[in-house]
Protein backbone atom coordinates (compact mmCIF):
# COMPACT_ATOMS: atom_id res chain seq x y z
CA MET A 1 -0.43 -0.53 0.41
CA ALA A 2 1.23 3.27 -1.12
CA GLU A 3 2.69 6.04 2.33
CA VAL A 4 -0.43 7.98 3.17
CA SER A 5 0.16 11.57 4.06
CA ASN A 6 -1.47 14.57 4.31
CA GLY A 7 0.35 15.77 0.91
CA GLN A 8 0.12 19.27 1.39
CA GLY A 9 1.51 21.38 -1.13
CA VAL A 10 3.23 24.88 -0.85
CA SER A 11 -0.18 26.60 -1.88
CA GLY A 12 -1.94 25.02 1.08
CA PHE A 13 -3.95 22.12 -0.75
CA PRO A 14 -2.58 19.26 -1.62
CA LYS A 15 -0.56 18.32 -5.07
CA SER A 16 -1.10 14.41 -4.08
CA TYR A 17 -3.75 12.22 -5.09
CA ALA A 18 -6.51 11.12 -3.23
CA TYR A 19 -5.71 7.33 -2.44
CA GLN A 20 -1.77 8.49 -0.93
CA ARG A 21 -3.29 10.85 0.99
CA GLN A 22 -6.13 11.76 4.09
CA TRP A 23 -8.68 14.48 3.69
CA GLY A 24 -6.48 18.06 2.98
CA MET A 25 -8.77 20.32 3.42
CA GLU A 26 -7.20 21.76 7.53
CA PHE A 27 -9.37 23.82 7.50
CA VAL A 28 -12.22 21.24 7.56
CA ASP A 29 -12.46 19.07 10.82
CA ILE A 30 -13.00 15.58 8.81
CA SER A 31 -13.59 13.78 11.99
CA ARG A 32 -17.46 15.17 12.32
CA TYR A 33 -18.69 13.81 9.56
CA SER A 34 -18.44 10.57 10.64
CA ALA A 35 -18.95 8.55 6.70
CA ILE A 36 -17.64 11.14 4.48
CA GLU A 37 -14.40 10.40 7.08
CA GLU A 38 -15.14 6.64 6.82
CA ASN A 39 -15.65 5.76 3.30
CA TRP A 40 -12.51 7.71 2.31
CA LYS A 41 -10.79 5.20 4.38
CA THR A 42 -12.53 2.04 2.56
CA SER A 43 -11.76 3.89 -0.15
CA GLN A 44 -8.37 3.70 0.58
CA ASP A 45 -8.07 0.19 1.44
CA SER A 46 -9.73 -0.85 -2.12
CA ILE A 47 -7.59 0.84 -4.25
CA SER A 48 -4.73 -0.66 -2.66
CA LYS A 49 -5.87 -3.85 -3.17
CA ILE A 50 -6.26 -3.61 -7.08
CA ARG A 51 -3.29 -1.37 -7.40
CA ASP A 52 -0.95 -4.17 -5.85
CA THR A 53 -3.40 -6.80 -7.88
CA LEU A 54 -2.70 -4.79 -10.81
CA SER A 55 0.51 -4.19 -10.42
CA GLY A 56 1.15 -8.17 -9.88
CA ALA A 57 -0.33 -9.23 -12.57
CA GLU A 58 0.48 -10.01 -16.30
CA MET A 59 -1.91 -7.95 -18.55
CA HIS A 60 -1.91 -7.88 -22.53
CA ASN A 61 0.83 -5.17 -23.58
CA ALA A 62 -2.34 -2.85 -25.16
CA VAL A 63 -3.13 -1.55 -21.85
CA ARG A 64 -1.63 2.06 -20.82
CA THR A 65 -3.65 2.62 -18.37
CA VAL A 66 -6.77 1.78 -15.59
CA ALA A 67 -8.04 4.95 -13.37
CA ALA A 68 -10.50 4.24 -10.63
CA ALA A 69 -13.90 6.57 -11.43
CA GLY A 70 -17.71 6.70 -9.88
CA SER A 71 -17.54 6.44 -5.90
CA LEU A 72 -14.24 5.29 -5.91
CA GLY A 73 -12.45 7.86 -7.74
CA ARG A 74 -14.70 10.19 -5.26
CA MET A 75 -12.90 8.41 -2.46
CA GLU A 76 -16.47 7.95 -1.26
CA ALA A 77 -16.75 3.80 -1.90
CA SER A 78 -18.39 2.00 0.40
CA GLN A 79 -18.54 -1.88 1.18
CA LEU A 80 -21.82 -1.76 -1.11
CA SER A 81 -20.16 0.29 -3.67
CA ASP A 82 -18.79 -1.29 -7.34
CA ALA A 83 -15.61 -0.64 -8.53
CA ASP A 84 -15.88 1.30 -11.99
CA LEU A 85 -13.09 1.25 -13.98
CA ILE A 86 -11.87 3.42 -17.09
CA ILE A 87 -9.27 0.98 -19.63
CA VAL A 88 -6.87 2.96 -21.42
CA LEU A 89 -5.37 1.17 -23.97
CA LYS A 90 -2.01 2.31 -25.96
CA ASP A 91 -3.39 4.15 -29.17
CA GLY A 92 -1.61 1.54 -31.82
CA ALA A 93 -4.27 -0.65 -30.29
CA ASP A 94 -7.50 -0.96 -33.13
CA LEU A 95 -10.33 -0.64 -30.46
CA ASN A 96 -12.88 -2.47 -32.32
CA SER A 97 -9.83 -5.84 -32.49
CA ASP A 98 -10.21 -8.98 -31.00
CA THR A 99 -6.51 -7.31 -29.29
CA ALA A 100 -8.31 -4.56 -27.44
CA TRP A 101 -10.79 -6.72 -26.37
CA LYS A 102 -8.29 -9.21 -25.20
CA ALA A 103 -6.76 -5.88 -23.51
CA PHE A 104 -9.32 -5.34 -21.56
CA ASN A 105 -10.61 -7.82 -20.22
CA SER A 106 -7.02 -8.82 -19.00
CA VAL A 107 -7.63 -6.75 -16.78
CA TRP A 108 -10.65 -7.85 -15.26
CA THR A 109 -9.18 -10.81 -15.66
CA ALA A 110 -6.19 -9.36 -13.49
CA LEU A 111 -8.72 -8.70 -11.10
CA THR A 112 -10.88 -12.04 -10.60
CA PRO A 113 -9.32 -13.20 -7.23
CA LEU A 114 -10.48 -9.68 -5.72
CA GLY A 115 -14.81 -10.70 -6.36
CA LEU A 116 -15.49 -7.09 -8.47
CA THR A 117 -18.90 -7.12 -10.44
CA GLU A 118 -17.49 -5.96 -13.94
CA PRO A 119 -19.54 -2.75 -15.69
CA LYS A 120 -23.29 -3.36 -17.38
CA LYS A 121 -22.35 -3.63 -21.06
CA THR A 122 -24.50 -0.44 -21.67
CA GLY A 123 -22.46 1.61 -19.62
CA VAL A 124 -19.43 3.81 -19.90
CA PHE A 125 -17.43 1.63 -18.51
CA SER A 126 -18.09 -1.87 -20.75
CA THR A 127 -15.30 -0.47 -23.10
CA PRO A 128 -11.90 0.63 -23.70
CA CYS A 129 -10.54 3.83 -25.07
CA SER A 130 -7.51 5.51 -25.88
CA GLU A 131 -5.95 9.13 -25.84
CA GLY A 132 -6.48 9.22 -29.51
CA GLN A 133 -10.28 9.14 -29.08
CA LEU A 134 -10.02 11.61 -25.46
CA CYS A 135 -8.28 13.71 -27.37
CA GLY A 136 -8.69 13.74 -30.81
CA PRO A 137 -10.44 15.59 -33.63
CA GLU A 138 -13.62 14.18 -32.61
CA VAL A 139 -13.64 15.97 -29.41
CA GLY A 140 -16.40 17.77 -29.26
CA SER A 141 -18.30 16.63 -32.41
CA ALA A 142 -21.82 16.48 -32.39
CA ILE A 143 -21.80 12.37 -33.21
CA GLU A 144 -18.94 11.81 -30.09
CA GLU A 145 -20.60 9.28 -28.32
CA LEU A 146 -21.13 9.40 -24.58
CA ARG A 147 -18.82 6.30 -23.47
CA ILE A 148 -16.20 8.22 -24.86
CA PHE A 149 -16.74 12.27 -24.15
CA GLY A 150 -18.45 10.46 -20.72
CA LYS A 151 -14.81 8.90 -19.89
CA ARG A 152 -13.08 12.45 -21.16
CA LEU A 153 -14.98 13.98 -17.91
CA LEU A 154 -14.76 11.88 -15.92
CA LEU A 155 -10.88 10.92 -15.84
CA LEU A 156 -11.26 15.09 -15.27
CA LEU A 157 -14.24 14.76 -12.08
CA GLU A 158 -13.35 11.96 -10.24
CA SER A 159 -10.38 9.61 -10.98
CA GLN A 160 -7.29 8.06 -9.31
CA PRO A 161 -4.61 5.94 -11.11
CA LEU A 162 -4.70 1.68 -10.93
CA LEU A 163 -1.96 1.38 -13.22
CA HIS A 164 0.88 2.95 -14.83
CA GLU A 165 0.73 6.37 -12.89
CA GLU A 166 3.02 8.38 -15.12
CA GLU A 167 1.22 7.27 -18.06
CA TYR A 168 -1.87 8.10 -16.55
CA LYS A 169 -0.82 11.55 -15.65
CA THR A 170 0.31 12.53 -18.74
CA LEU A 171 -3.48 11.28 -20.24
CA ILE A 172 -4.79 13.91 -17.85
CA ASP A 173 -2.01 16.71 -19.10
CA GLY A 174 -3.50 16.30 -22.42
CA ILE A 175 -6.54 16.18 -21.89
CA VAL A 176 -6.62 19.25 -20.31
CA ARG A 177 -4.12 21.08 -23.50
CA ARG A 178 -6.92 19.26 -25.13
CA TYR A 179 -9.69 22.19 -23.89
CA ALA A 180 -6.97 24.49 -23.31
CA ARG A 181 -5.80 24.80 -26.58
CA ARG A 182 -6.35 28.42 -29.41
CA TYR A 183 -7.88 29.02 -25.73
CA VAL A 184 -6.79 29.75 -22.42
CA GLU A 185 -3.37 28.11 -23.11
CA VAL A 186 -2.31 31.29 -25.03
CA ASP A 187 -4.57 33.45 -23.64
CA PRO A 188 -4.87 33.42 -19.62
CA ARG A 189 -7.73 35.87 -20.00
CA LYS A 190 -10.21 33.61 -21.69
CA GLU A 191 -12.34 31.22 -19.79
CA TRP A 192 -11.97 27.83 -19.81
CA ALA A 193 -15.33 27.93 -22.21
CA PHE A 194 -14.53 24.56 -24.34
CA LEU A 195 -14.34 22.85 -21.25
CA LEU A 196 -16.89 24.84 -19.78
CA ASN A 197 -19.47 23.51 -22.89
CA ASP A 198 -18.35 20.48 -22.53
CA LEU A 199 -18.34 19.80 -19.21
CA LEU A 200 -22.74 21.17 -19.10
CA ARG A 201 -23.37 18.65 -22.09
CA TYR A 202 -22.06 15.69 -19.96
CA PHE A 203 -24.00 16.57 -16.96
CA ARG A 204 -27.21 17.61 -19.31
CA ALA A 205 -26.24 13.93 -20.75
CA LEU A 206 -26.58 12.86 -17.61
CA CYS A 207 -29.72 13.77 -16.76
CA VAL A 208 -31.89 12.77 -20.04
CA ASN A 209 -30.15 10.00 -19.86
CA TYR A 210 -31.63 9.60 -16.37
CA GLN A 211 -35.03 10.44 -17.37
CA TRP A 212 -34.64 7.24 -20.19
CA ASP A 213 -33.80 5.29 -17.36
CA PHE A 214 -37.36 6.32 -15.22
CA GLU A 215 -39.29 5.30 -18.86
CA ASN A 216 -37.27 2.02 -19.53
CA ASP A 217 -35.86 0.93 -16.64
CA LYS A 218 -38.42 1.83 -13.92
CA GLN A 219 -37.20 -0.53 -10.73
CA LYS A 220 -33.64 1.76 -9.59
CA TRP A 221 -34.74 4.84 -10.62
CA PRO A 222 -36.06 6.39 -6.79
CA ILE A 223 -32.05 5.43 -6.05
CA ARG A 224 -30.92 6.10 -9.23
CA ASN A 225 -32.56 10.13 -8.86
CA ILE A 226 -31.28 9.79 -5.23
CA LYS A 227 -27.49 9.91 -6.44
CA LEU A 228 -27.91 12.26 -9.00
CA ARG A 229 -29.32 14.82 -7.07
CA HIS A 230 -26.05 13.83 -4.84
CA SER A 231 -22.91 12.57 -5.73
CA ARG A 232 -23.24 13.31 -9.29
CA LEU A 233 -23.99 17.05 -8.28
CA ILE A 234 -21.27 16.98 -6.55
CA MET A 235 -18.97 15.54 -9.04
CA TYR A 236 -20.30 18.42 -11.75
CA SER A 237 -20.16 21.38 -8.99
CA GLY A 238 -16.37 20.09 -8.39
CA LEU A 239 -15.23 21.11 -11.25
CA LEU A 240 -17.49 23.76 -12.24
CA PHE A 241 -16.76 25.66 -8.66
CA LEU A 242 -13.05 25.28 -10.03
CA LEU A 243 -13.57 27.19 -13.63
CA GLY A 244 -15.73 29.63 -12.02
CA GLU A 245 -13.06 30.36 -9.50
CA ALA A 246 -10.39 29.95 -12.60
CA SER A 247 -12.46 33.07 -14.40
CA LYS A 248 -10.12 34.89 -11.40
CA GLU A 249 -6.58 33.54 -12.58
CA ARG A 250 -4.63 35.89 -15.16
CA THR A 251 -1.73 34.55 -15.22
CA ASP A 252 -1.15 30.95 -16.31
CA LYS A 253 -4.89 28.60 -16.34
CA VAL A 254 -3.36 25.72 -17.60
CA GLN A 255 -0.85 25.44 -14.72
CA TRP A 256 -3.63 26.34 -11.91
CA LEU A 257 -6.30 24.30 -12.81
CA LYS A 258 -4.22 21.02 -13.44
CA ASP A 259 -2.17 22.12 -9.49
CA ARG A 260 -5.94 21.55 -8.16
CA LEU A 261 -6.94 18.66 -9.75
CA TYR A 262 -5.52 16.62 -7.69
CA LEU A 263 -8.58 17.72 -5.49
CA THR A 264 -11.54 15.24 -4.73
CA PRO A 265 -14.92 17.03 -6.09
CA LEU A 266 -15.86 17.53 -2.47
CA GLU A 267 -12.73 19.13 -1.85
CA ARG A 268 -12.98 21.23 -5.02
CA ILE A 269 -16.04 22.39 -3.55
CA ALA A 270 -14.55 23.03 -0.20
CA HIS A 271 -11.28 24.78 -1.63
CA VAL A 272 -13.24 27.50 -3.84
CA TYR A 273 -15.88 28.00 -0.49
CA HIS A 274 -12.53 28.72 1.80
CA GLU A 275 -11.03 31.11 -1.30
CA ASN A 276 -14.01 33.45 -1.43
CA LEU A 277 -13.94 33.59 2.28
CA ASP A 278 -17.44 31.52 2.56
CA TRP A 279 -18.07 29.63 6.10
CA SER A 280 -20.86 28.10 4.81
CA PHE A 281 -19.36 24.40 3.05
CA PRO A 282 -20.12 22.83 6.32
CA ARG A 283 -23.66 22.70 4.66
CA VAL A 284 -22.80 20.93 1.94
CA SER A 285 -20.45 18.54 4.14
CA GLY A 286 -23.12 18.34 6.45
CA LEU A 287 -25.84 17.32 3.75
CA TYR A 288 -23.20 15.29 1.98
CA ASN A 289 -22.56 12.99 4.86
CA VAL A 290 -25.89 12.15 5.78
CA PHE A 291 -26.36 11.30 1.49
CA LEU A 292 -23.89 8.88 2.10
CA SER A 293 -24.64 7.53 5.62
CA ARG A 294 -27.80 6.94 4.57
CA LEU A 295 -26.16 4.91 1.17
CA ASN A 296 -23.88 2.63 3.29
CA ASP A 297 -26.71 1.55 4.93
CA GLU A 298 -27.70 -1.85 2.98
CA GLY A 299 -31.40 -1.64 4.36
CA VAL A 300 -31.66 1.80 2.64
CA ARG A 301 -30.82 0.95 -0.64
CA GLU A 302 -33.22 -2.67 -0.09
CA LEU A 303 -35.96 0.25 0.60
CA LEU A 304 -35.62 3.09 -2.57
CA HIS A 305 -35.32 0.08 -4.93
CA ILE A 306 -38.98 -0.96 -6.57
CA ALA A 307 -40.01 -4.54 -6.00
CA SER A 308 -40.54 -5.92 -9.53
CA GLU A 309 -44.39 -6.91 -8.22
CA GLU A 310 -44.79 -3.50 -7.31
CA ASP A 311 -46.25 -0.56 -10.06
CA PRO A 312 -43.42 1.64 -10.91
CA GLU A 313 -45.74 4.39 -12.22
CA LYS A 314 -47.88 4.42 -8.95
CA HIS A 315 -44.77 4.10 -6.58
CA TYR A 316 -43.53 7.69 -8.39
CA GLY A 317 -47.13 9.14 -7.47
CA GLU A 318 -46.64 7.82 -3.78
CA ARG A 319 -43.13 8.19 -3.41
CA TYR A 320 -43.44 10.63 -0.58
CA LEU A 321 -44.77 8.38 1.10
CA LYS A 322 -41.85 6.23 1.71
CA ALA A 323 -39.37 8.06 4.60
CA GLN A 324 -36.33 6.99 2.70
CA TYR A 325 -36.86 8.76 -0.43
CA ALA A 326 -38.60 11.93 1.08
CA ASP A 327 -35.81 12.66 3.19
CA LEU A 328 -33.28 12.13 0.71
CA LYS A 329 -35.36 13.89 -1.75
CA ALA A 330 -35.48 17.21 1.11
CA ASN A 331 -31.42 16.36 1.56
CA SER A 332 -30.96 17.20 -1.98
CA ASP A 333 -33.10 19.81 -2.54
CA ALA A 334 -31.09 21.71 0.27
CA LEU A 335 -27.60 20.66 -0.65
CA ILE A 336 -28.86 22.06 -4.46
CA ALA A 337 -30.37 25.39 -2.72
CA GLU A 338 -26.99 25.98 -1.10
CA LEU A 339 -24.68 25.35 -4.13
CA LEU A 340 -27.03 27.57 -6.46
CA ARG A 341 -26.41 30.04 -3.53
CA PHE A 342 -22.74 30.14 -2.92
CA VAL A 343 -22.74 30.36 -7.62
CA LEU A 344 -24.95 33.65 -7.53
CA ARG A 345 -23.30 34.97 -4.55
CA ARG A 346 -20.15 35.64 -7.16
CA ARG A 347 -21.38 37.93 -9.44
CA GLY A 348 -19.20 40.27 -9.45
CA ILE A 349 -16.01 37.83 -8.54
CA TRP A 350 -16.38 35.95 -10.96
CA SER A 351 -16.54 36.52 -14.51
CA GLU A 352 -19.52 37.85 -15.87
CA ARG A 353 -18.00 36.15 -19.44
CA PHE A 354 -17.48 32.79 -17.53
CA PHE A 355 -21.62 33.48 -16.17
CA GLU A 356 -22.37 34.13 -19.90
CA TYR A 357 -20.57 31.05 -20.53
CA LEU A 358 -22.93 28.98 -18.03
CA ILE A 359 -25.57 30.15 -19.14
CA PHE A 360 -25.78 31.07 -22.85
């Protein structure tokens, strides 16, 4: 297991990956939030086991790097969490070939002793990718698949390296510079317009996809809705808040952002609150701790699911009669209200151009 430290850099925030250290915002007493602290430790343990297993395994030589996303990438995994892995192959690999699938499957074969659940066939983690896909000329194309731009955004939003860390770091650097090209890379007075637009596209695609899930996979809509309004919201807000805060940077926006990508989504939000001397972050961490503590309870998860014999339409109409859903929905309403308050209070602090891109 990698040595765990506080990972503090010279600027007062961590300059090491979250799996290597403790919670990095020293001005927030994380011990007050038992679920956040417990899930961080669980995530470190899980990531350590995966990293150790992959480092000692013989995998296909086309595998370039592997990253954890989802709750593991956010350092929020519980004993009930899945392992969402982004498997990146070398650019020379034909992604439609048998070789690519052999390389992809070699990672999961190596992890068999850990008993991890493999990704669902239609999900974003069910296919390999390459840097050519993630950073190539198709970035931003109207026909770009969600499974491609989803992986690209998730690497920036919520990921931790699991295999070949230097390759992972190079990949992150390539993605950042792809978004910076002809924009903030040449003029730091500009905004992260390309990245902001793709971030908005991804989050709205998630929202639309969840609506599709409701209409086509109705048994799981309550827990998916609760996750969308908590963990997906924090994931999205973490990068969104960094881009807003970056609008104040006029020297080197690229390095400024890269330095802060070491932070988890929740740490990013805490960091931006602190930089703006807004002391209301405990509202966010407290509400989020409630969400994690509920989802750590297998009984609550089961109660949020709709039994196969139930009528999903009737269930939806009576959703607030189920205490577990009503409680978490109200919790998410308060979380959204606080994050919205913070953003709106940044008018006159974050650039007007940033708000223009955000809305229009």
